[in-house]
Amino acid sequence: MLEQAGYELDVRESTRRAVKYRHGGNIIIVTHDGRGWFDPLSDEKGDVFGLAMFLERTTFPAAAEAVAALVEFQLSRPEWRPSRPAVSDEAIGDRWRCRRSPSPGSGAWRYLSWARWIPAEIVRQAVREGVLREGPFGSMWAAHVQSDGSVVGWEQRGPEWRGFSTGGSKLLFRLGPSDASRLCVTEAAIDAMSLAALEGSREGTLYLSTGGGWSPATDAALCELAERPGLTLVAATDANSQGDIYAERLRALAEASGCDWQRLRPQADDWNEVLKAQEKERRERKMEKKMRPAACAPAASREASPDQGRPLTRPDARPASREGS
């Protein structure tokens, strides 16, 4: 699609996770092994259909036809390949095990609690389930795991950084019981933990994150989970166009698997924004209540006591004379 639109590969500035293409002053970054893209000069991003709509400024039906016309298309140049070998799952697991778990006061704990406002009980749950680690410079790592619990990669989030583990694979971040009957799929581990906090870690619910991508491995893992009888698949993706695209994919997956499907749409862009707004409102109410002046004490009674209002007389005072004029 990019070659037909006149874009050229920028070999020097391309990496394994982000292949850069240029056309004049325009730039497109291809991600997720060729299955995703974004425009660094705007907020545009998506899949190949979104790219066709973006490049041609056309509607989805026309974009679908343009993509279909590229079946069996042969590139005029070799496809970009990383120069370094892939990292083994064993090496990924070793890197994960070398990092310690977050604890109260640690960098990752402060980031989650103070910057993201994730409640301590949710952070403790993630630590107990072994899906959180301390990252460098006050960041946190959130594991993407296989059905057997083995770590294949991790989301990296911090005050000044966001990314995914070098050489790791995006699969699913999981928080909750493995035998859950309700699956809530979000786009980030922060959102999965935020939704768990908003729902109070609803019983029988597994909170998932795709890490902002949708790899074939992610699709296969979701299909495996959706095969359980009586399952409800909840599309808790972001409230934007990409989130709606992911929600439609989940709806199609649920229909193919024969399970129930729901769309849970955040009132803000994502669930962490909803959580922070709710927590901010709660703190403001608490502060207002603390700052409110105490109720005034009841005014003192104006009714005189039994001996009030009587003339004071000295013990030696004589009664007034009744003689007079």
Protein backbone atom coordinates (compact mmCIF):
# COMPACT_ATOMS: atom_id res chain seq x y z
CA MET A 1 0.00 0.00 0.00
CA LEU A 2 2.81 2.40 0.90
CA GLU A 3 4.86 1.52 -2.19
CA GLN A 4 1.94 2.26 -4.48
CA ALA A 5 1.46 5.60 -2.72
CA GLY A 6 5.09 6.56 -3.45
CA TYR A 7 6.59 6.02 0.00
CA GLU A 8 10.24 4.95 0.33
CA LEU A 9 11.76 2.83 3.09
CA ASP A 10 14.10 4.71 5.45
CA VAL A 11 16.54 1.90 6.27
CA ARG A 12 18.79 3.90 8.60
CA GLU A 13 15.98 5.04 10.90
CA SER A 14 14.01 1.77 10.90
CA THR A 15 14.01 -0.72 13.79
CA ARG A 16 12.56 -4.16 14.33
CA ARG A 17 9.44 -2.74 15.94
CA ALA A 18 9.10 0.44 13.89
CA VAL A 19 9.83 0.52 10.15
CA LYS A 20 9.88 4.10 8.82
CA TYR A 21 8.62 5.16 5.39
CA ARG A 22 8.90 8.64 3.87
CA HIS A 23 7.18 10.46 1.02
CA GLY A 24 8.16 14.12 0.75
CA GLY A 25 7.53 15.54 4.21
CA ASN A 26 5.13 12.74 5.16
CA ILE A 27 6.14 9.86 7.44
CA ILE A 28 4.43 6.55 8.18
CA ILE A 29 5.73 4.18 10.87
CA VAL A 30 4.80 0.52 10.33
CA THR A 31 4.48 -1.52 13.54
CA HIS A 32 3.40 -4.95 14.79
CA ASP A 33 5.35 -6.85 12.10
CA GLY A 34 3.55 -5.03 9.29
CA ARG A 35 0.06 -5.29 10.75
CA GLY A 36 -0.19 -1.78 12.18
CA TRP A 37 0.91 1.79 11.45
CA PHE A 38 0.78 5.34 12.74
CA ASP A 39 1.52 8.85 11.53
CA PRO A 40 3.97 10.52 13.97
CA LEU A 41 2.86 13.94 12.76
CA SER A 42 -0.79 13.40 13.68
CA ASP A 43 -3.04 11.06 15.69
CA GLU A 44 -3.79 8.80 12.70
CA LYS A 45 -3.12 5.07 13.18
CA GLY A 46 -4.71 1.68 12.55
CA ASP A 47 -4.51 -1.40 10.34
CA VAL A 48 -4.10 -1.78 6.58
CA PHE A 49 -7.70 -0.75 5.90
CA GLY A 50 -7.23 2.40 7.96
CA LEU A 51 -4.01 3.07 6.04
CA ALA A 52 -5.83 2.79 2.71
CA MET A 53 -8.50 5.20 3.94
CA PHE A 54 -5.80 7.60 5.19
CA LEU A 55 -3.69 7.55 2.01
CA GLU A 56 -6.55 7.73 -0.47
CA ARG A 57 -8.87 9.87 1.68
CA THR A 58 -11.63 7.42 0.89
CA THR A 59 -14.37 5.41 2.61
CA PHE A 60 -14.02 1.95 4.08
CA PRO A 61 -15.71 0.06 1.19
CA ALA A 62 -13.34 1.68 -1.31
CA ALA A 63 -10.39 1.00 1.01
CA ALA A 64 -11.38 -2.66 1.30
CA GLU A 65 -11.39 -2.93 -2.50
CA ALA A 66 -7.96 -1.28 -2.68
CA VAL A 67 -6.56 -3.75 -0.14
CA ALA A 68 -8.15 -6.71 -1.94
CA ALA A 69 -6.49 -5.59 -5.17
CA LEU A 70 -3.08 -6.03 -3.49
CA VAL A 71 -3.45 -9.78 -2.96
CA GLU A 72 -0.31 -11.48 -4.36
CA PHE A 73 1.31 -8.05 -4.85
CA GLN A 74 5.11 -8.38 -5.13
CA LEU A 75 7.36 -5.72 -3.65
CA SER A 76 9.85 -4.10 -6.02
CA ARG A 77 12.49 -4.16 -3.25
CA PRO A 78 13.44 -6.68 -0.52
CA GLU A 79 11.32 -6.46 2.62
CA TRP A 80 13.08 -4.90 5.61
CA ARG A 81 14.46 -7.46 8.07
CA PRO A 82 16.10 -6.89 11.46
CA SER A 83 19.87 -7.30 11.48
CA ARG A 84 19.97 -8.98 14.88
CA PRO A 85 18.61 -12.44 15.69
CA ALA A 86 15.34 -12.91 17.54
CA VAL A 87 15.47 -13.20 21.33
CA SER A 88 14.54 -16.65 22.66
CA ASP A 89 11.63 -17.15 25.07
CA GLU A 90 14.13 -18.51 27.60
CA ALA A 91 16.17 -15.30 27.48
CA ILE A 92 12.98 -13.25 27.85
CA GLY A 93 11.99 -15.31 30.90
CA ASP A 94 15.44 -14.87 32.45
CA ARG A 95 15.26 -11.09 32.04
CA TRP A 96 11.85 -11.07 33.70
CA ARG A 97 12.95 -13.19 36.66
CA CYS A 98 15.94 -10.92 37.29
CA ARG A 99 13.66 -7.99 38.13
CA ARG A 100 12.11 -7.70 41.59
CA SER A 101 8.42 -7.34 42.32
CA PRO A 102 7.05 -3.89 43.24
CA SER A 103 6.61 -3.13 46.94
CA PRO A 104 5.14 -0.12 48.80
CA GLY A 105 7.40 2.86 48.19
CA SER A 106 9.24 1.37 45.21
CA GLY A 107 9.44 3.19 41.88
CA ALA A 108 6.85 1.06 40.08
CA TRP A 109 4.52 1.15 43.08
CA ARG A 110 4.70 4.95 43.27
CA TYR A 111 4.12 5.25 39.52
CA LEU A 112 1.03 3.04 39.62
CA SER A 113 -0.40 4.54 42.81
CA TRP A 114 0.51 8.21 42.39
CA ALA A 115 0.66 8.81 38.64
CA ARG A 116 -1.99 6.30 37.57
CA TRP A 117 -4.03 6.20 40.78
CA ILE A 118 -4.33 2.41 40.77
CA PRO A 119 -5.56 1.32 44.25
CA ALA A 120 -3.05 -0.53 46.40
CA GLU A 121 -5.24 -3.66 46.56
CA ILE A 122 -5.17 -4.00 42.77
CA VAL A 123 -1.38 -3.56 42.68
CA ARG A 124 -1.05 -6.20 45.42
CA GLN A 125 -3.26 -8.59 43.44
CA ALA A 126 -1.09 -8.16 40.32
CA VAL A 127 2.06 -8.71 42.41
CA ARG A 128 0.56 -11.88 43.96
CA GLU A 129 -0.28 -13.20 40.51
CA GLY A 130 3.29 -12.54 39.36
CA VAL A 131 2.50 -10.18 36.46
CA LEU A 132 4.27 -7.02 37.69
CA ARG A 133 7.96 -6.18 37.92
CA GLU A 134 10.08 -3.13 38.69
CA GLY A 135 11.36 -1.47 35.54
CA PRO A 136 14.22 1.04 35.31
CA PHE A 137 13.82 4.73 36.20
CA GLY A 138 10.58 4.31 38.17
CA SER A 139 8.74 2.40 35.44
CA MET A 140 6.71 -0.78 35.71
CA TRP A 141 6.67 -3.96 33.64
CA ALA A 142 3.36 -5.79 33.06
CA ALA A 143 3.80 -9.35 31.79
CA HIS A 144 2.23 -10.88 28.71
CA VAL A 145 1.89 -14.57 29.43
CA GLN A 146 0.85 -17.78 27.74
CA SER A 147 -1.90 -20.06 29.05
CA ASP A 148 0.71 -21.95 31.11
CA GLY A 149 1.83 -18.73 32.80
CA SER A 150 5.18 -18.41 31.00
CA VAL A 151 6.23 -14.82 30.27
CA VAL A 152 6.83 -13.97 26.60
CA GLY A 153 7.10 -10.18 26.87
CA TRP A 154 5.91 -7.20 28.88
CA GLU A 155 4.39 -3.77 28.54
CA GLN A 156 6.66 -0.99 29.82
CA ARG A 157 5.13 2.15 31.30
CA GLY A 158 6.73 4.94 33.29
CA PRO A 159 6.63 8.69 33.93
CA GLU A 160 8.72 9.39 30.81
CA TRP A 161 8.52 6.14 28.88
CA ARG A 162 6.18 3.68 27.20
CA GLY A 163 7.01 0.70 25.05
CA PHE A 164 7.26 -3.08 24.89
CA SER A 165 10.07 -5.43 25.84
CA THR A 166 12.83 -5.68 23.24
CA GLY A 167 12.57 -9.08 21.57
CA GLY A 168 9.38 -9.93 23.46
CA SER A 169 6.04 -11.01 21.99
CA LYS A 170 2.69 -9.33 22.51
CA LEU A 171 0.17 -11.89 23.68
CA LEU A 172 -2.10 -11.11 26.64
CA PHE A 173 -1.67 -9.47 30.03
CA ARG A 174 -3.89 -11.37 32.46
CA LEU A 175 -5.25 -10.28 35.84
CA GLY A 176 -7.75 -12.51 37.59
CA PRO A 177 -8.80 -16.17 37.77
CA SER A 178 -7.75 -18.40 34.88
CA ASP A 179 -11.15 -20.17 34.93
CA ALA A 180 -13.16 -16.94 34.70
CA SER A 181 -16.52 -16.93 32.95
CA ARG A 182 -16.21 -13.25 31.97
CA LEU A 183 -13.33 -11.84 29.93
CA CYS A 184 -12.78 -8.06 29.78
CA VAL A 185 -10.37 -7.18 26.97
CA THR A 186 -8.61 -3.80 27.15
CA GLU A 187 -5.77 -2.27 25.14
CA ALA A 188 -3.25 -1.73 27.97
CA ALA A 189 -2.33 -3.36 31.26
CA ILE A 190 -2.90 0.01 33.00
CA ASP A 191 -6.46 -0.02 31.64
CA ALA A 192 -7.01 -3.64 32.71
CA MET A 193 -5.97 -2.77 36.28
CA SER A 194 -8.03 0.45 36.17
CA LEU A 195 -11.17 -1.42 35.07
CA ALA A 196 -10.57 -4.01 37.79
CA ALA A 197 -10.41 -1.15 40.31
CA LEU A 198 -13.61 0.45 38.96
CA GLU A 199 -15.47 -2.86 39.13
CA GLY A 200 -13.93 -3.91 42.42
CA SER A 201 -12.23 -6.96 40.85
CA ARG A 202 -15.58 -8.43 39.90
CA GLU A 203 -15.87 -12.10 40.81
CA GLY A 204 -15.34 -14.53 37.95
CA THR A 205 -13.73 -11.90 35.71
CA LEU A 206 -10.36 -12.08 33.96
CA TYR A 207 -9.03 -8.66 32.94
CA LEU A 208 -6.91 -8.80 29.78
CA SER A 209 -4.73 -6.44 27.75
CA THR A 210 -3.58 -6.84 24.16
CA GLY A 211 -0.84 -4.23 24.70
CA GLY A 212 -2.24 -1.98 21.97
CA GLY A 213 -1.62 -4.60 19.28
CA TRP A 214 -3.42 -7.55 17.75
CA SER A 215 -0.97 -10.23 16.69
CA PRO A 216 -2.00 -13.64 15.31
CA ALA A 217 -0.82 -15.08 18.65
CA THR A 218 -3.14 -12.70 20.50
CA ASP A 219 -6.04 -13.72 18.27
CA ALA A 220 -5.29 -17.42 18.85
CA ALA A 221 -5.08 -16.93 22.64
CA LEU A 222 -8.42 -15.11 22.70
CA CYS A 223 -10.03 -17.83 20.57
CA GLU A 224 -8.75 -20.45 23.02
CA LEU A 225 -10.24 -18.56 25.98
CA ALA A 226 -13.55 -17.98 24.17
CA GLU A 227 -14.14 -21.71 23.70
CA ARG A 228 -15.29 -22.14 27.31
CA PRO A 229 -19.04 -22.80 27.65
CA GLY A 230 -21.12 -20.01 29.18
CA LEU A 231 -18.44 -17.39 28.60
CA THR A 232 -19.09 -13.67 28.15
CA LEU A 233 -16.54 -11.74 26.10
CA VAL A 234 -16.50 -8.03 26.95
CA ALA A 235 -14.89 -5.54 24.56
CA ALA A 236 -13.58 -2.96 27.05
CA THR A 237 -11.38 -1.23 24.48
CA ASP A 238 -10.79 2.54 24.25
CA ALA A 239 -13.49 5.02 23.30
CA ASN A 240 -11.97 5.93 19.93
CA SER A 241 -11.87 4.62 16.37
CA GLN A 242 -9.15 2.06 17.07
CA GLY A 243 -11.03 0.85 20.13
CA ASP A 244 -14.17 0.43 18.03
CA ILE A 245 -12.22 -1.59 15.44
CA TYR A 246 -10.91 -3.90 18.17
CA ALA A 247 -14.43 -4.19 19.59
CA GLU A 248 -15.73 -5.33 16.22
CA ARG A 249 -12.98 -7.94 16.02
CA LEU A 250 -13.99 -9.21 19.45
CA ARG A 251 -17.64 -9.31 18.40
CA ALA A 252 -16.73 -11.40 15.35
CA LEU A 253 -14.61 -13.68 17.52
CA ALA A 254 -17.46 -14.10 20.02
CA GLU A 255 -19.93 -14.95 17.24
CA ALA A 256 -17.51 -17.49 15.76
CA SER A 257 -16.98 -19.07 19.18
CA GLY A 258 -20.65 -19.03 20.15
CA CYS A 259 -20.17 -17.02 23.36
CA ASP A 260 -21.93 -13.87 24.54
CA TRP A 261 -20.50 -10.46 23.64
CA GLN A 262 -20.77 -7.03 25.23
CA ARG A 263 -19.29 -3.60 24.48
CA LEU A 264 -18.14 -1.77 27.61
CA ARG A 265 -17.15 1.72 26.49
CA PRO A 266 -15.30 4.08 28.87
CA GLN A 267 -16.80 7.51 29.51
CA ALA A 268 -13.35 9.02 28.78
CA ASP A 269 -10.76 7.93 26.23
CA ASP A 270 -9.64 4.95 28.30
CA TRP A 271 -10.30 3.29 31.66
CA ASN A 272 -7.40 4.90 33.47
CA GLU A 273 -8.79 8.33 32.61
CA VAL A 274 -12.16 7.22 34.02
CA LEU A 275 -10.50 5.94 37.20
CA LYS A 276 -8.51 9.15 37.71
CA ALA A 277 -11.58 11.31 37.14
CA GLN A 278 -13.58 9.27 39.66
CA GLU A 279 -10.77 9.34 42.21
CA LYS A 280 -10.28 13.09 41.74
CA GLU A 281 -13.98 13.69 42.33
CA ARG A 282 -13.88 11.50 45.46
CA ARG A 283 -10.87 13.37 46.84
CA GLU A 284 -12.46 16.75 46.13
CA ARG A 285 -15.63 15.74 47.98
CA LYS A 286 -13.52 14.52 50.89
CA MET A 287 -11.60 17.80 50.96
CA GLU A 288 -14.79 19.87 50.80
CA LYS A 289 -16.21 17.91 53.70
CA LYS A 290 -13.02 18.46 55.72
CA MET A 291 -12.97 22.20 54.95
CA ARG A 292 -16.65 22.73 55.72
CA PRO A 293 -17.02 24.76 59.02
CA ALA A 294 -18.45 22.86 61.96
CA ALA A 295 -22.13 23.40 62.63
CA CYS A 296 -22.77 26.32 64.99
CA ALA A 297 -23.59 25.40 68.57
CA PRO A 298 -27.24 26.14 69.56
CA ALA A 299 -27.74 29.67 70.79
CA ALA A 300 -27.81 30.04 74.57
CA SER A 301 -31.32 30.07 76.01
CA ARG A 302 -32.70 33.49 76.75
CA GLU A 303 -35.06 32.15 79.42
CA ALA A 304 -34.03 33.29 82.87
CA SER A 305 -33.24 30.81 85.59
CA PRO A 306 -35.58 30.62 88.57
CA ASP A 307 -33.59 33.17 90.59
CA GLN A 308 -32.78 35.45 87.69
CA GLY A 309 -34.58 38.80 87.49
CA ARG A 310 -35.09 39.06 91.27
CA PRO A 311 -33.69 42.20 93.00
CA LEU A 312 -30.53 41.47 94.83
CA THR A 313 -30.82 42.40 98.55
CA ARG A 314 -28.15 42.60 101.13
CA PRO A 315 -28.69 40.48 104.20
CA ASP A 316 -28.87 43.61 106.32
CA ALA A 317 -31.14 45.50 103.97
CA ARG A 318 -34.34 46.74 105.44
CA PRO A 319 -37.65 46.43 103.69
CA ALA A 320 -38.74 49.56 101.97
CA SER A 321 -41.03 51.72 104.08
CA ARG A 322 -44.64 51.68 103.11
CA GLU A 323 -45.10 55.12 104.54
CA GLY A 324 -45.05 57.76 102.06
CA SER A 325 -46.81 60.68 100.75
